[in-house]
PDB file of N, CA and C in Angstrom:
ATOM      1  N   MET A   1       0.770  -1.289   0.068  1.00  0.00           N
ATOM      2  CA  MET A   1      -0.099  -0.107  -0.053  1.00  0.00           C
ATOM      3  C   MET A   1       0.821   1.264  -0.019  1.00  0.00           C
ATOM      4  N   THR A   2       0.590   2.205  -0.886  1.00  0.00           N
ATOM      5  CA  THR A   2       1.233   3.383  -0.826  1.00  0.00           C
ATOM      6  C   THR A   2       0.424   4.521  -0.228  1.00  0.00           C
ATOM      7  N   GLY A   3       0.969   5.523   0.179  1.00  0.00           N
ATOM      8  CA  GLY A   3       0.382   6.589   0.732  1.00  0.00           C
ATOM      9  C   GLY A   3      -0.163   7.592  -0.275  1.00  0.00           C
ATOM     10  N   ARG A   4      -0.003   7.511  -1.555  1.00  0.00           N
ATOM     11  CA  ARG A   4      -0.556   8.367  -2.375  1.00  0.00           C
ATOM     12  C   ARG A   4      -1.861   8.098  -2.682  1.00  0.00           C
ATOM     13  N   PRO A   5      -2.681   9.366  -3.073  1.00  0.00           N
ATOM     14  CA  PRO A   5      -4.154   9.264  -3.285  1.00  0.00           C
ATOM     15  C   PRO A   5      -4.354   8.609  -4.610  1.00  0.00           C
ATOM     16  N   VAL A   6      -5.391   7.919  -4.578  1.00  0.00           N
ATOM     17  CA  VAL A   6      -5.864   7.177  -5.833  1.00  0.00           C
ATOM     18  C   VAL A   6      -7.303   7.884  -6.084  1.00  0.00           C
ATOM     19  N   LYS A   7      -7.494   8.273  -7.388  1.00  0.00           N
ATOM     20  CA  LYS A   7      -8.652   8.860  -8.079  1.00  0.00           C
ATOM     21  C   LYS A   7      -9.595   7.990  -8.411  1.00  0.00           C
ATOM     22  N   HIS A   8     -10.733   8.074  -7.846  1.00  0.00           N
ATOM     23  CA  HIS A   8     -12.065   7.095  -8.247  1.00  0.00           C
ATOM     24  C   HIS A   8     -13.060   8.278  -8.750  1.00  0.00           C
ATOM     25  N   SER A   9     -13.862   7.810  -9.600  1.00  0.00           N
ATOM     26  CA  SER A   9     -15.046   8.485 -10.041  1.00  0.00           C
ATOM     27  C   SER A   9     -16.433   8.203  -9.072  1.00  0.00           C
ATOM     28  N   LEU A  10     -17.086   9.230  -8.814  1.00  0.00           N
ATOM     29  CA  LEU A  10     -18.304   9.002  -8.076  1.00  0.00           C
ATOM     30  C   LEU A  10     -19.263   9.867  -8.789  1.00  0.00           C
ATOM     31  N   THR A  11     -20.657   9.531  -8.686  1.00  0.00           N
ATOM     32  CA  THR A  11     -21.777  10.046  -9.139  1.00  0.00           C
ATOM     33  C   THR A  11     -22.671  10.682  -7.985  1.00  0.00           C
ATOM     34  N   LEU A  12     -22.784  12.011  -8.129  1.00  0.00           N
ATOM     35  CA  LEU A  12     -23.425  12.781  -7.064  1.00  0.00           C
ATOM     36  C   LEU A  12     -24.590  13.439  -7.749  1.00  0.00           C
ATOM     37  N   ARG A  13     -25.784  13.071  -7.342  1.00  0.00           N
ATOM     38  CA  ARG A  13     -27.005  13.487  -8.019  1.00  0.00           C
ATOM     39  C   ARG A  13     -27.064  13.609  -9.681  1.00  0.00           C
ATOM     40  N   GLY A  14     -26.549  12.616 -10.366  1.00  0.00           N
ATOM     41  CA  GLY A  14     -26.501  12.717 -11.742  1.00  0.00           C
ATOM     42  C   GLY A  14     -25.236  13.245 -12.269  1.00  0.00           C
ATOM     43  N   HIS A  15     -24.410  13.761 -11.568  1.00  0.00           N
ATOM     44  CA  HIS A  15     -23.074  14.511 -11.814  1.00  0.00           C
ATOM     45  C   HIS A  15     -21.771  13.821 -11.716  1.00  0.00           C
ATOM     46  N   ARG A  16     -21.066  13.408 -12.652  1.00  0.00           N
ATOM     47  CA  ARG A  16     -19.770  12.962 -12.391  1.00  0.00           C
ATOM     48  C   ARG A  16     -18.640  13.635 -11.789  1.00  0.00           C
ATOM     49  N   THR A  17     -18.022  13.128 -10.508  1.00  0.00           N
ATOM     50  CA  THR A  17     -17.121  13.905 -10.060  1.00  0.00           C
ATOM     51  C   THR A  17     -15.809  12.805  -9.832  1.00  0.00           C
ATOM     52  N   SER A  18     -14.548  13.288  -9.508  1.00  0.00           N
ATOM     53  CA  SER A  18     -13.501  12.443  -9.094  1.00  0.00           C
ATOM     54  C   SER A  18     -12.956  12.772  -7.728  1.00  0.00           C
ATOM     55  N   VAL A  19     -12.707  12.115  -6.878  1.00  0.00           N
ATOM     56  CA  VAL A  19     -12.180  12.229  -5.628  1.00  0.00           C
ATOM     57  C   VAL A  19     -10.925  11.303  -5.419  1.00  0.00           C
ATOM     58  N   SER A  20     -10.040  12.036  -4.919  1.00  0.00           N
ATOM     59  CA  SER A  20      -8.477  11.554  -4.679  1.00  0.00           C
ATOM     60  C   SER A  20      -8.345  11.269  -3.275  1.00  0.00           C
ATOM     61  N   LEU A  21      -8.423   9.838  -2.863  1.00  0.00           N
ATOM     62  CA  LEU A  21      -8.185   9.412  -1.231  1.00  0.00           C
ATOM     63  C   LEU A  21      -7.050   8.507  -1.434  1.00  0.00           C
ATOM     64  N   GLU A  22      -6.359   8.550  -0.428  1.00  0.00           N
ATOM     65  CA  GLU A  22      -5.604   7.347  -0.134  1.00  0.00           C
ATOM     66  C   GLU A  22      -6.251   5.842  -0.243  1.00  0.00           C
ATOM     67  N   GLU A  23      -5.624   4.823  -0.450  1.00  0.00           N
ATOM     68  CA  GLU A  23      -6.357   3.480  -0.331  1.00  0.00           C
ATOM     69  C   GLU A  23      -7.041   3.013   0.890  1.00  0.00           C
ATOM     70  N   GLY A  24      -6.280   3.278   2.046  1.00  0.00           N
ATOM     71  CA  GLY A  24      -6.952   2.972   3.089  1.00  0.00           C
ATOM     72  C   GLY A  24      -8.156   3.800   3.304  1.00  0.00           C
ATOM     73  N   PHE A  25      -8.323   5.038   3.094  1.00  0.00           N
ATOM     74  CA  PHE A  25      -9.384   5.580   3.184  1.00  0.00           C
ATOM     75  C   PHE A  25     -10.642   5.081   2.112  1.00  0.00           C
ATOM     76  N   TRP A  26     -10.307   4.768   0.924  1.00  0.00           N
ATOM     77  CA  TRP A  26     -11.211   4.054   0.035  1.00  0.00           C
ATOM     78  C   TRP A  26     -11.802   2.911   0.659  1.00  0.00           C
ATOM     79  N   ARG A  27     -10.660   1.975   1.093  1.00  0.00           N
ATOM     80  CA  ARG A  27     -11.302   0.612   1.706  1.00  0.00           C
ATOM     81  C   ARG A  27     -12.295   0.820   2.883  1.00  0.00           C
ATOM     82  N   GLU A  28     -11.972   1.598   3.630  1.00  0.00           N
ATOM     83  CA  GLU A  28     -12.778   1.996   4.734  1.00  0.00           C
ATOM     84  C   GLU A  28     -14.130   2.680   4.428  1.00  0.00           C
ATOM     85  N   PHE A  29     -13.948   3.612   3.469  1.00  0.00           N
ATOM     86  CA  PHE A  29     -15.261   4.182   3.010  1.00  0.00           C
ATOM     87  C   PHE A  29     -16.220   3.171   2.480  1.00  0.00           C
ATOM     88  N   ARG A  30     -15.827   2.402   1.603  1.00  0.00           N
ATOM     89  CA  ARG A  30     -16.461   1.064   1.003  1.00  0.00           C
ATOM     90  C   ARG A  30     -17.188   0.494   2.288  1.00  0.00           C
ATOM     91  N   ARG A  31     -16.411   0.038   3.001  1.00  0.00           N
ATOM     92  CA  ARG A  31     -16.675  -0.734   4.139  1.00  0.00           C
ATOM     93  C   ARG A  31     -17.964  -0.161   4.949  1.00  0.00           C
ATOM     94  N   ILE A  32     -17.621   1.206   5.254  1.00  0.00           N
ATOM     95  CA  ILE A  32     -18.872   1.611   5.908  1.00  0.00           C
ATOM     96  C   ILE A  32     -19.897   1.865   5.378  1.00  0.00           C
ATOM     97  N   ALA A  33     -19.895   2.142   3.979  1.00  0.00           N
ATOM     98  CA  ALA A  33     -21.236   2.169   3.133  1.00  0.00           C
ATOM     99  C   ALA A  33     -21.999   0.960   3.139  1.00  0.00           C
ATOM    100  N   ALA A  34     -21.027  -0.095   2.823  1.00  0.00           N
ATOM    101  CA  ALA A  34     -21.782  -1.595   2.988  1.00  0.00           C
ATOM    102  C   ALA A  34     -22.211  -1.994   4.054  1.00  0.00           C
ATOM    103  N   GLN A  35     -21.808  -1.598   5.360  1.00  0.00           N
ATOM    104  CA  GLN A  35     -22.304  -1.904   6.609  1.00  0.00           C
ATOM    105  C   GLN A  35     -23.562  -0.872   6.850  1.00  0.00           C
ATOM    106  N   ARG A  36     -23.713   0.222   6.153  1.00  0.00           N
ATOM    107  CA  ARG A  36     -24.987   0.908   6.227  1.00  0.00           C
ATOM    108  C   ARG A  36     -25.949   0.606   5.190  1.00  0.00           C
ATOM    109  N   GLY A  37     -25.522  -0.339   4.356  1.00  0.00           N
ATOM    110  CA  GLY A  37     -26.356  -0.716   3.383  1.00  0.00           C
ATOM    111  C   GLY A  37     -26.717   0.316   2.305  1.00  0.00           C
ATOM    112  N   GLN A  38     -25.589   1.008   1.945  1.00  0.00           N
ATOM    113  CA  GLN A  38     -25.629   2.232   0.920  1.00  0.00           C
ATOM    114  C   GLN A  38     -24.578   1.999   0.059  1.00  0.00           C
ATOM    115  N   SER A  39     -24.785   2.571  -1.220  1.00  0.00           N
ATOM    116  CA  SER A  39     -23.526   2.481  -2.230  1.00  0.00           C
ATOM    117  C   SER A  39     -22.629   3.764  -1.749  1.00  0.00           C
ATOM    118  N   ILE A  40     -21.399   3.631  -2.297  1.00  0.00           N
ATOM    119  CA  ILE A  40     -20.677   4.676  -1.926  1.00  0.00           C
ATOM    120  C   ILE A  40     -21.033   6.026  -2.460  1.00  0.00           C
ATOM    121  N   ASN A  41     -21.572   5.945  -3.687  1.00  0.00           N
ATOM    122  CA  ASN A  41     -22.338   7.205  -4.243  1.00  0.00           C
ATOM    123  C   ASN A  41     -23.189   7.806  -3.185  1.00  0.00           C
ATOM    124  N   GLY A  42     -24.123   7.042  -2.704  1.00  0.00           N
ATOM    125  CA  GLY A  42     -25.259   7.287  -1.784  1.00  0.00           C
ATOM    126  C   GLY A  42     -24.657   8.027  -0.430  1.00  0.00           C
ATOM    127  N   LEU A  43     -23.562   7.183  -0.012  1.00  0.00           N
ATOM    128  CA  LEU A  43     -22.885   7.789   1.274  1.00  0.00           C
ATOM    129  C   LEU A  43     -21.944   9.227   0.992  1.00  0.00           C
ATOM    130  N   ALA A  44     -21.435   9.325  -0.207  1.00  0.00           N
ATOM    131  CA  ALA A  44     -20.648  10.360  -0.632  1.00  0.00           C
ATOM    132  C   ALA A  44     -21.856  11.661  -0.528  1.00  0.00           C
ATOM    133  N   ILE A  45     -23.117  11.371  -1.165  1.00  0.00           N
ATOM    134  CA  ILE A  45     -24.192  12.358  -1.415  1.00  0.00           C
ATOM    135  C   ILE A  45     -24.370  12.992   0.186  1.00  0.00           C
ATOM    136  N   GLU A  46     -24.601  12.008   0.926  1.00  0.00           N
ATOM    137  CA  GLU A  46     -24.718  12.253   2.319  1.00  0.00           C
ATOM    138  C   GLU A  46     -23.847  13.432   3.089  1.00  0.00           C
ATOM    139  N   ILE A  47     -22.493  12.786   2.758  1.00  0.00           N
ATOM    140  CA  ILE A  47     -21.395  13.635   2.899  1.00  0.00           C
ATOM    141  C   ILE A  47     -21.484  15.024   2.341  1.00  0.00           C
ATOM    142  N   ASP A  48     -21.667  15.001   1.181  1.00  0.00           N
ATOM    143  CA  ASP A  48     -21.366  16.257   0.274  1.00  0.00           C
ATOM    144  C   ASP A  48     -22.424  17.229   0.843  1.00  0.00           C
ATOM    145  N   GLU A  49     -23.679  16.611   0.951  1.00  0.00           N
ATOM    146  CA  GLU A  49     -24.710  17.682   1.551  1.00  0.00           C
ATOM    147  C   GLU A  49     -24.564  18.528   2.818  1.00  0.00           C
ATOM    148  N   SER A  50     -23.678  17.896   3.677  1.00  0.00           N
ATOM    149  CA  SER A  50     -23.368  18.369   4.914  1.00  0.00           C
ATOM    150  C   SER A  50     -21.881  18.968   5.278  1.00  0.00           C
ATOM    151  N   ARG A  51     -21.174  18.992   3.992  1.00  0.00           N
ATOM    152  CA  ARG A  51     -19.988  19.405   4.128  1.00  0.00           C
ATOM    153  C   ARG A  51     -19.588  20.871   4.237  1.00  0.00           C
ATOM    154  N   GLY A  52     -20.518  21.826   3.994  1.00  0.00           N
ATOM    155  CA  GLY A  52     -20.200  23.072   3.954  1.00  0.00           C
ATOM    156  C   GLY A  52     -19.090  23.366   2.891  1.00  0.00           C
ATOM    157  N   ASP A  53     -18.249  24.378   3.359  1.00  0.00           N
ATOM    158  CA  ASP A  53     -17.155  24.791   2.197  1.00  0.00           C
ATOM    159  C   ASP A  53     -15.772  24.070   2.455  1.00  0.00           C
ATOM    160  N   VAL A  54     -15.767  22.811   2.973  1.00  0.00           N
ATOM    161  CA  VAL A  54     -14.703  21.789   3.045  1.00  0.00           C
ATOM    162  C   VAL A  54     -14.820  21.073   1.588  1.00  0.00           C
ATOM    163  N   GLY A  55     -13.614  20.550   1.266  1.00  0.00           N
ATOM    164  CA  GLY A  55     -13.418  19.843  -0.150  1.00  0.00           C
ATOM    165  C   GLY A  55     -14.039  18.441   0.180  1.00  0.00           C
ATOM    166  N   LEU A  56     -14.716  17.980  -0.739  1.00  0.00           N
ATOM    167  CA  LEU A  56     -15.385  16.484  -0.549  1.00  0.00           C
ATOM    168  C   LEU A  56     -14.568  15.453  -0.266  1.00  0.00           C
ATOM    169  N   ALA A  57     -13.114  15.342  -0.708  1.00  0.00           N
ATOM    170  CA  ALA A  57     -12.088  14.351  -0.215  1.00  0.00           C
ATOM    171  C   ALA A  57     -11.800  14.496   1.229  1.00  0.00           C
ATOM    172  N   SER A  58     -11.555  15.723   1.587  1.00  0.00           N
ATOM    173  CA  SER A  58     -11.319  15.993   3.124  1.00  0.00           C
ATOM    174  C   SER A  58     -12.547  15.450   3.925  1.00  0.00           C
ATOM    175  N   ALA A  59     -13.830  16.063   3.452  1.00  0.00           N
ATOM    176  CA  ALA A  59     -14.899  15.568   4.234  1.00  0.00           C
ATOM    177  C   ALA A  59     -15.192  14.013   4.440  1.00  0.00           C
ATOM    178  N   ILE A  60     -14.650  13.494   3.168  1.00  0.00           N
ATOM    179  CA  ILE A  60     -14.857  12.171   3.261  1.00  0.00           C
ATOM    180  C   ILE A  60     -13.665  11.442   4.333  1.00  0.00           C
ATOM    181  N   ARG A  61     -12.638  11.965   4.416  1.00  0.00           N
ATOM    182  CA  ARG A  61     -11.609  11.539   5.207  1.00  0.00           C
ATOM    183  C   ARG A  61     -12.130  11.773   6.801  1.00  0.00           C
ATOM    184  N   VAL A  62     -12.607  12.971   7.004  1.00  0.00           N
ATOM    185  CA  VAL A  62     -13.215  13.238   8.398  1.00  0.00           C
ATOM    186  C   VAL A  62     -14.284  12.054   8.751  1.00  0.00           C
ATOM    187  N   PHE A  63     -15.073  11.933   7.772  1.00  0.00           N
ATOM    188  CA  PHE A  63     -16.070  11.039   8.202  1.00  0.00           C
ATOM    189  C   PHE A  63     -15.601   9.742   8.339  1.00  0.00           C
ATOM    190  N   VAL A  64     -14.859   9.235   7.639  1.00  0.00           N
ATOM    191  CA  VAL A  64     -14.115   7.892   7.710  1.00  0.00           C
ATOM    192  C   VAL A  64     -13.680   7.860   9.107  1.00  0.00           C
ATOM    193  N   LEU A  65     -12.607   8.886   9.447  1.00  0.00           N
ATOM    194  CA  LEU A  65     -12.027   8.872  10.801  1.00  0.00           C
ATOM    195  C   LEU A  65     -12.990   8.816  12.151  1.00  0.00           C
ATOM    196  N   ASP A  66     -13.982   9.867  11.868  1.00  0.00           N
ATOM    197  CA  ASP A  66     -15.075   9.650  12.924  1.00  0.00           C
ATOM    198  C   ASP A  66     -15.740   8.388  13.108  1.00  0.00           C
ATOM    199  N   ALA A  67     -15.891   7.674  11.966  1.00  0.00           N
ATOM    200  CA  ALA A  67     -16.690   6.411  12.075  1.00  0.00           C
ATOM    201  C   ALA A  67     -15.806   5.386  12.728  1.00  0.00           C
ATOM    202  N   LEU A  68     -14.626   5.469  12.371  1.00  0.00           N
ATOM    203  CA  LEU A  68     -13.614   4.323  13.081  1.00  0.00           C
ATOM    204  C   LEU A  68     -13.426   4.675  14.365  1.00  0.00           C
ATOM    205  N   LYS A  69     -13.354   6.107  14.692  1.00  0.00           N
ATOM    206  CA  LYS A  69     -13.338   6.411  16.350  1.00  0.00           C
ATOM    207  C   LYS A  69     -14.443   5.781  16.868  1.00  0.00           C
ATOM    208  N   ALA A  70     -15.979   6.086  16.525  1.00  0.00           N
ATOM    209  CA  ALA A  70     -16.889   5.636  17.167  1.00  0.00           C
ATOM    210  C   ALA A  70     -16.936   4.057  17.088  1.00  0.00           C
ATOM    211  N   GLU A  71     -16.602   3.327  16.252  1.00  0.00           N
ATOM    212  CA  GLU A  71     -16.170   2.103  16.298  1.00  0.00           C
ATOM    213  C   GLU A  71     -15.505   1.676  17.437  1.00  0.00           C
ATOM    214  N   ALA A  72     -14.452   2.328  17.579  1.00  0.00           N
ATOM    215  CA  ALA A  72     -13.314   1.841  18.498  1.00  0.00           C
ATOM    216  C   ALA A  72     -13.822   2.270  19.896  1.00  0.00           C
ATOM    217  N   ASP A  73     -14.569   3.111  20.198  1.00  0.00           N
ATOM    218  CA  ASP A  73     -15.143   3.432  21.336  1.00  0.00           C
ATOM    219  C   ASP A  73     -16.531   3.902  21.448  1.00  0.00           C
ATOM    220  N   PRO A  74     -17.383   3.073  21.318  1.00  0.00           N
ATOM    221  CA  PRO A  74     -18.951   3.332  21.035  1.00  0.00           C
ATOM    222  C   PRO A  74     -19.563   3.885  22.317  1.00  0.00           C
ATOM    223  N   GLY A  75     -18.887   4.015  23.388  1.00  0.00           N
ATOM    224  CA  GLY A  75     -19.573   4.514  24.468  1.00  0.00           C
ATOM    225  C   GLY A  75     -19.262   6.131  24.686  1.00  0.00           C
ATOM    226  N   ALA A  76     -18.140   6.498  23.871  1.00  0.00           N
ATOM    227  CA  ALA A  76     -17.734   7.922  23.799  1.00  0.00           C
ATOM    228  C   ALA A  76     -18.695   8.936  23.359  1.00  0.00           C
TER     229      ALA A  76
END
């Protein structure tokens, strides 16, 4: 695994966009979407709608980090 971002295409509300994330973030993003019964596009739309002026890739990274922290310490 390299630390270099990997670009993937997503479709958000009918519009194609590309997002560059490190492979570890893509892997966890896919896992979280599957765990929630969502497609990665569906989860990306949710994140996109609540991200404010933060870039989508950054918002996905923070979402993944927050999800992993919540899984590690569900009582916090």
